[in-house]
Structures are given as C-alpha cells and as structure tokens.
C-alpha cells in the first residue's frame, strides 16, 4: 500500500541524529572562533557567547523533548510549531555567531519539513530560505554579487539545501520501504498462522475419519460377535465360541490397523496394497451374516496408496452399514482399477435407503464423501432395483486429468 510523504501514518522518524550533529558542529565552530579570536579584533563578548550557547542548548532540548514526546512520528500540529521554533532559534544563533557558519542550520528547515510534511512543503521552504539569504545580502552587503566570498557562500548554501532535501527523500523512501517490508512480514506471518490452523483442522478431520473408518468398523464387528456369543451361549456352545473367536480376531485386526496407521504417519513399513487388503476385509467380515462376495479387476501398479485407501475406507464403511442397518443377507463388493480411474461398488439386498438417508449427515458417510472429494472423486448412494442399497465410489488417478464431470458421471453409474 503506497503512502504519501505527509501521511501521519507514514514512515517512522528518519535520521534523528542529523540535527543534533549539525548543532554540535555549529557550536564547536562558533565557540572555537570566539576563543581563538579568529576575527582578530581581540574583543570578548561574554553575553553574546552565552546567548549563542544558550540558543544551541534550547535546540538540543527541543530535539530531546520531541523524541521523548513523539518517539515514532510527530503529528502535524506539533511538527509545525517545532519547525517555527527551530527557525526562530536558527535566526538567533546566526545573529550571535561570530563565525557565520551557523547559516548551515537553515538547511535543516527543508530537511525537517520533508520528513514531517512532504516534498512540496520542503521545496517551498527551501526557496524561502534561499530568498531570505539573498535579501539579507542585498540589504546589508551592497555589491555582494561582485565578491567571490558571498557568491560562493550563496552557492554552497543552495547546494546544502539540495543535499538536505535529497537526503530527506532517501530517508523517507527507505523508511517507507522498511514499513512496507514489516507489513508484508506481518501479513506473511498471519498467512502462515492461518495455514497452520487450516492444516491442523484438516489433520484433525483426517484422523477423525481414520478412527471412524478403521476402529469403528472393527469395534462394530467385535460388538456384533459378542452379541452373537451372548445369544448362543446357552443354545449352541460351538456357535458362541466361534463368535468369541471372531471377536478376538476383529480386535487383533483393529490393533493391526492402528499399527499400520502409525507406521504410515512415520513413513515406515512396506507398501500397502488394495486388493489384498480388501480380500482380508471380506474374510474377517464373512463367516456369518451377511455373506460378502468380492470381485476385483485391473492392476494397482502406478496408483498411489492415498487414492486407493479412499476405496478401502469406503468399503469398510459400506460393509459396516450393511451389517448394522441394512439387515442384508448378501453383499457384493466389486472393484475395478483402470488406467485413469478406479471404481468401487458395494451392493446389498437389505432394506434400502429411506428418503432421509439419501443425503445422510452420519459421520461415516460424511467421511466417505470427504475422502473422495479430497482426491477429486465422488460418492453415490442408490436404492437397488428389487431392494437393497448400492454405494458407488469413483476416484481419478492423480497423474491423469479425468475431469470432475466425468468422475461424477462414473459415480452415478
């Protein structure tokens, strides 16, 4: 964002040492000129010397008071008052200075004006200072323009004004650039904090989906088998023992799933494969109701684990729902992995979807949709002709541009 020189919210105070340094040089030169009697008149003027030193002390006091009262930037009103006060003291110092060097103080007028009010005011005041010097020479030094000393002093004063304005301009631009850099750093820091927040939120959502889809599935299986064991405990001991064995197996699967997730977070372990994982999932789901049949087609080579994991988690969720809610007797799982996209279809012969369940707000189905969306895929739920539910998930291959419309069409089947 650009800022004008006169903007009170502009750059902070620039080159605060310049004025004090000029005051010190003028003071040392004037006192030395008086003590060394360089004008050769042998006279001493204690009152003039004291007045000269006192005015310089007041200038130093103004600098100190301004920096203490306004450590960042002097507002317009006080800046104007201080500029007038300095100009009056410059006149007094010049009148009391036997060396004549104190005329250099007037170059600080456009310098201070540039910092406080901008270039236009600074140039105007520089012109005023130059006109006043010309007027003084004209009134009190007849024929000054024929003497090299006065002409040289005037030219050097003009050069000093030009250098003071140039220095102030450079200082203001440097301060403005520093301010813009600080603002940019602040924005970058805010963006970084926002990215960190979003990354943390995304990671929390991912962990929530993983916990629901993996542990939730296994714990559902454990609960079903334990209920079965309780129901058949007195009726059929063999069935009850088999149910307990299946529950223990599901618990072991849950532990293995947790270990796999930890290894994945640490980037350790062997490569995960979809087809064997689905076969294992069907085996641990089978052995009871519903009956699960798996068919796979295609090759996994060239596909990344994260994309294929979407299909695996979707299958887990679909099988869990079929077992818990659909009251299905048979579930078919079909996976086709092609060159550009992969598709999962899970169909059951259960009670089907109600109208309210077509856009469910459940955590599991929501997580299924989120997972598919993260890899550019889509999810579709339908009632099967003749009863039951079909869940279709289509994901594109990451290095191929399948196009959102085509993926959505595929998911509709």
Protein backbone atom coordinates (compact mmCIF):
# COMPACT_ATOMS: atom_id res chain seq x y z
CA UNK A 1 0.00 0.00 0.00
CA UNK A 2 1.50 3.33 -1.05
CA UNK A 3 1.81 6.22 1.41
CA UNK A 4 2.22 9.93 0.81
CA UNK A 5 5.03 11.83 2.50
CA UNK A 6 2.60 13.91 4.51
CA UNK A 7 0.58 10.96 5.70
CA UNK A 8 0.68 10.93 9.52
CA UNK A 9 0.61 7.15 9.39
CA UNK A 10 3.66 7.12 7.13
CA UNK A 11 7.24 6.12 7.91
CA UNK A 12 8.65 6.48 11.41
CA UNK A 13 11.19 9.18 12.31
CA UNK A 14 14.14 9.12 9.92
CA UNK A 15 17.77 10.08 10.62
CA UNK A 16 17.15 11.57 14.09
CA UNK A 17 20.88 12.16 14.60
CA UNK A 18 21.33 14.65 11.73
CA UNK A 19 20.01 17.75 13.51
CA UNK A 20 21.96 17.06 16.71
CA UNK A 21 25.15 16.54 14.74
CA UNK A 22 24.73 19.86 12.89
CA UNK A 23 24.03 21.67 16.18
CA UNK A 24 27.20 20.20 17.69
CA UNK A 25 29.37 21.21 14.70
CA UNK A 26 27.98 24.75 14.70
CA UNK A 27 28.50 25.06 18.46
CA UNK A 28 32.10 23.83 18.39
CA UNK A 29 32.96 26.06 15.42
CA UNK A 30 31.38 29.17 16.92
CA UNK A 31 32.97 28.74 20.35
CA UNK A 32 36.36 27.98 18.83
CA UNK A 33 36.10 31.07 16.61
CA UNK A 34 35.34 33.19 19.67
CA UNK A 35 38.02 31.71 21.92
CA UNK A 36 40.71 31.71 19.24
CA UNK A 37 39.81 35.28 18.22
CA UNK A 38 39.93 34.33 14.55
CA UNK A 39 38.39 37.64 13.51
CA UNK A 40 41.43 39.41 15.01
CA UNK A 41 39.59 42.15 16.91
CA UNK A 42 40.73 40.90 20.32
CA UNK A 43 37.33 41.62 21.81
CA UNK A 44 35.45 39.30 24.06
CA UNK A 45 31.67 39.25 24.27
CA UNK A 46 30.61 37.02 27.17
CA UNK A 47 26.95 37.91 26.76
CA UNK A 48 26.97 37.08 23.06
CA UNK A 49 28.81 33.81 23.71
CA UNK A 50 26.38 32.86 26.47
CA UNK A 51 23.43 33.70 24.23
CA UNK A 52 24.92 31.65 21.40
CA UNK A 53 25.46 28.63 23.66
CA UNK A 54 22.03 29.08 25.25
CA UNK A 55 20.22 29.06 21.91
CA UNK A 56 22.06 25.90 20.88
CA UNK A 57 21.13 24.32 24.20
CA UNK A 58 17.48 25.15 23.50
CA UNK A 59 17.77 23.46 20.11
CA UNK A 60 19.15 20.32 21.74
CA UNK A 61 16.33 20.48 24.31
CA UNK A 62 13.72 20.69 21.54
CA UNK A 63 15.20 17.60 19.86
CA UNK A 64 15.15 15.67 23.14
CA UNK A 65 11.61 16.76 24.02
CA UNK A 66 10.28 15.87 20.56
CA UNK A 67 11.80 12.40 20.57
CA UNK A 68 10.54 11.72 24.07
CA UNK A 69 7.02 13.04 23.41
CA UNK A 70 6.68 11.53 19.94
CA UNK A 71 9.02 8.52 19.69
CA UNK A 72 7.56 7.28 16.40
CA UNK A 73 6.34 10.32 14.48
CA UNK A 74 5.45 13.93 15.32
CA UNK A 75 1.84 14.88 14.42
CA UNK A 76 1.24 17.74 12.00
CA UNK A 77 0.37 20.47 14.54
CA UNK A 78 3.29 19.93 16.92
CA UNK A 79 5.63 19.42 13.94
CA UNK A 80 4.67 22.83 12.52
CA UNK A 81 5.13 24.54 15.91
CA UNK A 82 8.52 22.91 16.41
CA UNK A 83 9.60 23.88 12.91
CA UNK A 84 8.74 27.55 13.60
CA UNK A 85 10.53 27.43 16.98
CA UNK A 86 13.65 26.00 15.37
CA UNK A 87 13.61 28.63 12.63
CA UNK A 88 13.45 31.41 15.25
CA UNK A 89 16.34 29.87 17.17
CA UNK A 90 18.33 29.48 13.93
CA UNK A 91 17.96 33.22 13.35
CA UNK A 92 19.09 33.94 16.90
CA UNK A 93 22.09 31.62 16.66
CA UNK A 94 23.10 33.17 13.32
CA UNK A 95 22.92 36.66 14.81
CA UNK A 96 25.09 35.65 17.79
CA UNK A 97 27.60 33.51 15.88
CA UNK A 98 30.83 35.37 15.10
CA UNK A 99 31.97 32.70 12.62
CA UNK A 100 29.00 32.94 10.27
CA UNK A 101 28.97 29.12 9.97
CA UNK A 102 25.57 28.91 11.64
CA UNK A 103 23.88 29.71 8.33
CA UNK A 104 24.16 25.98 7.69
CA UNK A 105 21.42 25.48 10.29
CA UNK A 106 18.85 26.71 7.78
CA UNK A 107 19.36 23.64 5.59
CA UNK A 108 17.62 21.75 8.41
CA UNK A 109 14.39 23.66 7.73
CA UNK A 110 13.54 21.92 4.43
CA UNK A 111 15.04 18.70 5.80
CA UNK A 112 12.65 18.66 8.79
CA UNK A 113 9.76 19.86 6.61
CA UNK A 114 10.28 16.97 4.17
CA UNK A 115 10.10 14.43 6.98
CA UNK A 116 7.01 16.00 8.52
CA UNK A 117 5.01 17.36 5.58
CA UNK A 118 6.43 16.01 2.35
CA UNK A 119 8.42 17.15 -0.64
CA UNK A 120 6.23 20.05 -1.76
CA UNK A 121 6.44 21.88 1.58
CA UNK A 122 10.15 21.12 1.78
CA UNK A 123 10.86 22.65 -1.64
CA UNK A 124 8.78 25.72 -0.80
CA UNK A 125 10.65 26.32 2.45
CA UNK A 126 13.99 25.76 0.72
CA UNK A 127 13.06 28.52 -1.71
CA UNK A 128 12.07 30.78 1.19
CA UNK A 129 15.44 30.19 2.91
CA UNK A 130 17.32 30.96 -0.30
CA UNK A 131 15.29 34.15 -0.89
CA UNK A 132 15.90 35.29 2.69
CA UNK A 133 19.65 34.85 2.27
CA UNK A 134 19.58 36.79 -0.99
CA UNK A 135 17.52 39.52 0.67
CA UNK A 136 19.93 39.75 3.59
CA UNK A 137 22.91 40.11 1.28
CA UNK A 138 21.09 42.71 -0.77
CA UNK A 139 20.11 44.80 2.29
CA UNK A 140 23.30 44.60 4.32
CA UNK A 141 26.10 43.83 1.81
CA UNK A 142 25.97 46.28 -1.12
CA UNK A 143 27.58 44.84 -4.23
CA UNK A 144 27.85 41.38 -2.70
CA UNK A 145 27.42 39.77 -6.08
CA UNK A 146 30.81 41.15 -7.13
CA UNK A 147 32.62 39.44 -4.25
CA UNK A 148 33.60 35.80 -4.65
CA UNK A 149 33.17 35.04 -0.93
CA UNK A 150 29.48 35.92 -0.84
CA UNK A 151 28.72 34.33 -4.18
CA UNK A 152 30.48 31.17 -3.04
CA UNK A 153 28.56 31.18 0.26
CA UNK A 154 25.26 31.52 -1.59
CA UNK A 155 26.11 28.70 -3.98
CA UNK A 156 27.25 26.44 -1.16
CA UNK A 157 24.03 27.24 0.74
CA UNK A 158 21.98 26.29 -2.32
CA UNK A 159 23.93 23.04 -2.67
CA UNK A 160 23.38 22.34 1.04
CA UNK A 161 19.63 22.84 0.64
CA UNK A 162 19.57 20.49 -2.35
CA UNK A 163 21.57 17.84 -0.47
CA UNK A 164 19.34 18.16 2.59
CA UNK A 165 16.20 17.64 0.50
CA UNK A 166 17.79 14.70 -1.32
CA UNK A 167 18.88 13.11 1.96
CA UNK A 168 15.41 13.54 3.45
CA UNK A 169 13.85 12.00 0.35
CA UNK A 170 16.15 8.98 0.52
CA UNK A 171 15.45 8.60 4.24
CA UNK A 172 11.68 8.77 3.72
CA UNK A 173 11.78 6.22 0.90
CA UNK A 174 13.95 3.92 2.97
CA UNK A 175 11.60 4.23 5.94
CA UNK A 176 8.58 3.65 3.73
CA UNK A 177 10.19 0.58 2.20
CA UNK A 178 11.03 -0.73 5.65
CA UNK A 179 7.45 -0.16 6.76
CA UNK A 180 6.11 -2.00 3.71
CA UNK A 181 8.52 -4.84 4.43
CA UNK A 182 7.32 -5.03 8.03
CA UNK A 183 3.70 -5.04 6.86
CA UNK A 184 4.49 -7.77 4.34
CA UNK A 185 6.21 -9.82 7.03
CA UNK A 186 3.22 -9.34 9.31
CA UNK A 187 0.85 -10.48 6.54
CA UNK A 188 3.05 -13.47 5.77
CA UNK A 189 3.12 -14.36 9.45
CA UNK A 190 -0.67 -14.10 9.58
CA UNK A 191 -0.97 -16.24 6.45
CA UNK A 192 1.41 -18.80 7.94
CA UNK A 193 -0.64 -18.93 11.14
CA UNK A 194 -3.81 -19.36 9.09
CA UNK A 195 -2.25 -22.13 7.01
CA UNK A 196 -1.12 -23.84 10.21
CA UNK A 197 -4.66 -23.60 11.61
CA UNK A 198 -6.17 -25.00 8.41
CA UNK A 199 -3.55 -27.76 8.27
CA UNK A 200 -4.28 -28.69 11.87
CA UNK A 201 -8.03 -28.72 11.17
CA UNK A 202 -7.51 -30.87 8.07
CA UNK A 203 -5.32 -33.26 10.05
CA UNK A 204 -7.94 -33.48 12.83
CA UNK A 205 -10.60 -34.29 10.24
CA UNK A 206 -8.36 -36.89 8.64
CA UNK A 207 -7.67 -38.55 11.99
CA UNK A 208 -11.38 -38.48 12.80
CA UNK A 209 -12.16 -40.24 9.51
CA UNK A 210 -9.41 -42.80 10.09
CA UNK A 211 -10.60 -43.56 13.61
CA UNK A 212 -14.20 -43.91 12.48
CA UNK A 213 -13.48 -45.94 9.36
CA UNK A 214 -10.89 -48.30 10.84
CA UNK A 215 -11.50 -48.66 14.56
CA UNK A 216 -15.22 -48.03 14.13
CA UNK A 217 -15.50 -50.86 11.65
CA UNK A 218 -13.56 -53.32 13.79
CA UNK A 219 -15.32 -52.37 17.00
CA UNK A 220 -18.67 -52.83 15.27
CA UNK A 221 -17.59 -56.31 14.25
CA UNK A 222 -16.46 -57.04 17.82
CA UNK A 223 -19.79 -55.83 19.20
CA UNK A 224 -21.78 -57.96 16.74
CA UNK A 225 -19.79 -61.10 17.53
CA UNK A 226 -20.07 -60.54 21.28
CA UNK A 227 -23.83 -60.12 20.97
CA UNK A 228 -23.94 -63.30 18.95
CA UNK A 229 -21.90 -65.13 21.58
CA UNK A 230 -24.25 -63.91 24.31
CA UNK A 231 -27.34 -65.04 22.39
CA UNK A 232 -25.99 -68.52 21.61
CA UNK A 233 -24.17 -69.07 24.90
CA UNK A 234 -26.83 -71.43 26.21
CA UNK A 235 -28.29 -72.56 22.88
CA UNK A 236 -25.23 -73.57 20.86
CA UNK A 237 -21.87 -73.60 22.59
CA UNK A 238 -19.93 -74.09 19.36
CA UNK A 239 -21.54 -71.07 17.70
CA UNK A 240 -20.87 -68.94 20.79
CA UNK A 241 -17.22 -69.98 20.91
CA UNK A 242 -16.84 -69.23 17.21
CA UNK A 243 -18.37 -65.79 17.77
CA UNK A 244 -15.88 -65.11 20.57
CA UNK A 245 -13.05 -66.23 18.32
CA UNK A 246 -14.29 -63.89 15.59
CA UNK A 247 -14.48 -61.04 18.13
CA UNK A 248 -10.88 -61.69 19.18
CA UNK A 249 -9.87 -61.74 15.53
CA UNK A 250 -11.59 -58.41 14.92
CA UNK A 251 -9.83 -56.92 17.95
CA UNK A 252 -6.48 -58.11 16.55
CA UNK A 253 -7.39 -56.57 13.20
CA UNK A 254 -8.14 -53.30 14.93
CA UNK A 255 -4.73 -53.36 16.61
CA UNK A 256 -3.03 -54.14 13.30
CA UNK A 257 -4.90 -51.27 11.67
CA UNK A 258 -3.70 -48.90 14.38
CA UNK A 259 -0.13 -50.08 13.92
CA UNK A 260 -0.41 -49.64 10.17
CA UNK A 261 -1.66 -46.08 10.65
CA UNK A 262 1.24 -45.29 12.99
CA UNK A 263 3.74 -46.70 10.51
CA UNK A 264 2.15 -44.64 7.75
CA UNK A 265 2.45 -41.47 9.85
CA UNK A 266 6.13 -42.24 10.36
CA UNK A 267 6.58 -43.19 6.69
CA UNK A 268 7.69 -46.68 7.73
CA UNK A 269 6.73 -50.17 6.72
CA UNK A 270 6.00 -51.91 3.45
CA UNK A 271 3.73 -50.67 0.68
CA UNK A 272 0.02 -51.14 1.33
CA UNK A 273 -1.96 -52.93 -1.41
CA UNK A 274 -5.68 -52.51 -2.07
CA UNK A 275 -6.63 -55.93 -3.41
CA UNK A 276 -5.09 -57.99 -0.56
CA UNK A 277 -6.50 -55.53 1.99
CA UNK A 278 -10.00 -55.91 0.54
CA UNK A 279 -9.70 -59.69 0.47
CA UNK A 280 -8.63 -59.62 4.12
CA UNK A 281 -11.50 -57.27 4.96
CA UNK A 282 -14.03 -59.60 3.28
CA UNK A 283 -12.60 -62.63 5.10
CA UNK A 284 -12.93 -61.02 8.51
CA UNK A 285 -16.41 -59.77 7.65
CA UNK A 286 -17.56 -63.16 6.33
CA UNK A 287 -18.32 -66.29 8.28
CA UNK A 288 -21.79 -65.13 9.17
CA UNK A 289 -24.48 -62.75 8.09
CA UNK A 290 -24.32 -61.04 5.70
CA UNK A 291 -22.42 -63.11 3.19
CA UNK A 292 -19.81 -60.98 1.41
CA UNK A 293 -18.58 -61.68 -2.13
CA UNK A 294 -15.58 -59.83 -3.61
CA UNK A 295 -14.56 -59.35 -7.24
CA UNK A 296 -11.53 -57.31 -8.35
CA UNK A 297 -10.41 -56.20 -11.76
CA UNK A 298 -7.40 -54.31 -13.07
CA UNK A 299 -3.90 -53.53 -11.78
CA UNK A 300 -2.79 -51.39 -8.84
CA UNK A 301 0.60 -50.51 -10.33
CA UNK A 302 1.03 -46.78 -10.80
CA UNK A 303 -1.64 -45.87 -8.28
CA UNK A 304 -0.70 -44.17 -5.03
CA UNK A 305 -1.75 -45.58 -1.68
CA UNK A 306 -3.68 -42.50 -0.54
CA UNK A 307 -6.08 -42.63 -3.51
CA UNK A 308 -6.75 -46.36 -3.27
CA UNK A 309 -7.17 -46.03 0.51
CA UNK A 310 -10.29 -43.98 -0.25
CA UNK A 311 -11.88 -47.06 -1.83
CA UNK A 312 -10.81 -49.29 1.05
CA UNK A 313 -12.25 -46.98 3.71
CA UNK A 314 -15.45 -46.61 1.69
CA UNK A 315 -15.76 -50.40 1.52
CA UNK A 316 -15.23 -50.63 5.28
CA UNK A 317 -17.98 -48.10 5.91
CA UNK A 318 -20.37 -49.71 3.44
CA UNK A 319 -19.88 -53.18 4.99
CA UNK A 320 -20.35 -51.75 8.49
CA UNK A 321 -23.60 -50.08 7.45
CA UNK A 322 -24.82 -53.23 5.70
CA UNK A 323 -24.21 -55.22 8.87
CA UNK A 324 -25.61 -52.69 11.34
CA UNK A 325 -28.51 -51.06 9.49
CA UNK A 326 -29.43 -52.81 6.23
CA UNK A 327 -30.25 -56.27 7.67
CA UNK A 328 -28.78 -57.65 4.46
CA UNK A 329 -28.20 -61.32 3.75
CA UNK A 330 -25.75 -60.83 0.91
CA UNK A 331 -23.28 -58.08 -0.02
CA UNK A 332 -21.27 -57.92 -3.22
CA UNK A 333 -18.10 -55.85 -3.45
CA UNK A 334 -16.73 -55.06 -6.92
CA UNK A 335 -13.55 -53.06 -7.55
CA UNK A 336 -12.28 -52.06 -10.98
CA UNK A 337 -8.91 -50.26 -11.21
CA UNK A 338 -8.33 -48.81 -14.66
CA UNK A 339 -5.72 -46.63 -16.28
CA UNK A 340 -7.47 -43.35 -15.48
CA UNK A 341 -9.92 -44.08 -12.66
CA UNK A 342 -10.84 -46.67 -10.07
CA UNK A 343 -14.36 -47.63 -9.04
CA UNK A 344 -15.87 -49.40 -6.04
CA UNK A 345 -19.44 -50.73 -5.97
CA UNK A 346 -20.89 -52.24 -2.81
CA UNK A 347 -24.41 -53.66 -3.20
CA UNK A 348 -26.57 -55.32 -0.56
CA UNK A 349 -30.05 -56.90 -0.55
CA UNK A 350 -31.14 -55.21 2.64
CA UNK A 351 -33.92 -52.78 3.46
CA UNK A 352 -32.64 -50.00 1.18
CA UNK A 353 -32.40 -46.29 1.72
CA UNK A 354 -35.12 -44.14 3.19
CA UNK A 355 -35.76 -40.72 1.70
CA UNK A 356 -33.98 -39.08 4.63
CA UNK A 357 -30.94 -41.26 4.24
CA UNK A 358 -30.20 -40.20 0.67
CA UNK A 359 -28.23 -37.22 1.96
CA UNK A 360 -27.12 -38.56 5.32
CA UNK A 361 -25.43 -36.48 7.98
CA UNK A 362 -23.82 -39.50 9.61
CA UNK A 363 -20.14 -39.32 10.43
CA UNK A 364 -19.25 -42.38 8.39
CA UNK A 365 -20.91 -41.39 5.13
CA UNK A 366 -19.76 -37.81 5.60
CA UNK A 367 -16.21 -39.02 6.00
CA UNK A 368 -16.62 -41.19 2.88
CA UNK A 369 -17.66 -38.15 0.85
CA UNK A 370 -14.85 -36.03 2.30
CA UNK A 371 -12.23 -38.64 1.47
CA UNK A 372 -13.45 -38.94 -2.10
CA UNK A 373 -13.61 -35.16 -2.55
CA UNK A 374 -10.01 -34.75 -1.33
CA UNK A 375 -8.75 -36.84 -4.26
CA UNK A 376 -11.21 -35.41 -6.79
CA UNK A 377 -13.62 -38.32 -6.64
CA UNK A 378 -17.33 -38.75 -5.96
CA UNK A 379 -19.74 -40.91 -3.97
CA UNK A 380 -23.22 -42.05 -4.95
CA UNK A 381 -25.86 -43.90 -2.88
CA UNK A 382 -28.87 -45.52 -4.58
CA UNK A 383 -31.66 -47.95 -3.93
CA UNK A 384 -31.18 -51.13 -5.91
CA UNK A 385 -33.99 -52.38 -8.11
CA UNK A 386 -35.76 -55.09 -6.15
CA UNK A 387 -34.49 -53.84 -2.77
CA UNK A 388 -31.19 -53.06 -1.16
CA UNK A 389 -28.58 -50.35 -1.40
CA UNK A 390 -25.73 -49.60 -3.77
CA UNK A 391 -22.75 -47.45 -2.81
CA UNK A 392 -20.56 -46.32 -5.70
CA UNK A 393 -17.23 -44.52 -5.30
CA UNK A 394 -15.12 -43.32 -8.23
CA UNK A 395 -11.67 -41.75 -7.87
CA UNK A 396 -9.40 -40.44 -10.65
CA UNK A 397 -5.77 -41.35 -10.98
CA UNK A 398 -3.73 -38.46 -9.52
CA UNK A 399 -1.44 -38.07 -12.53
CA UNK A 400 -4.29 -38.19 -15.05
CA UNK A 401 -6.86 -35.49 -15.74
CA UNK A 402 -10.11 -37.43 -15.63
CA UNK A 403 -12.20 -34.28 -15.20
CA UNK A 404 -14.75 -33.68 -12.43
CA UNK A 405 -17.74 -34.09 -14.72
CA UNK A 406 -16.59 -37.50 -15.95
CA UNK A 407 -15.82 -38.67 -12.44
CA UNK A 408 -19.25 -37.57 -11.24
CA UNK A 409 -20.87 -39.36 -14.16
CA UNK A 410 -18.91 -42.50 -13.36
CA UNK A 411 -20.03 -42.40 -9.74
CA UNK A 412 -23.67 -42.24 -10.86
CA UNK A 413 -23.09 -45.41 -12.81
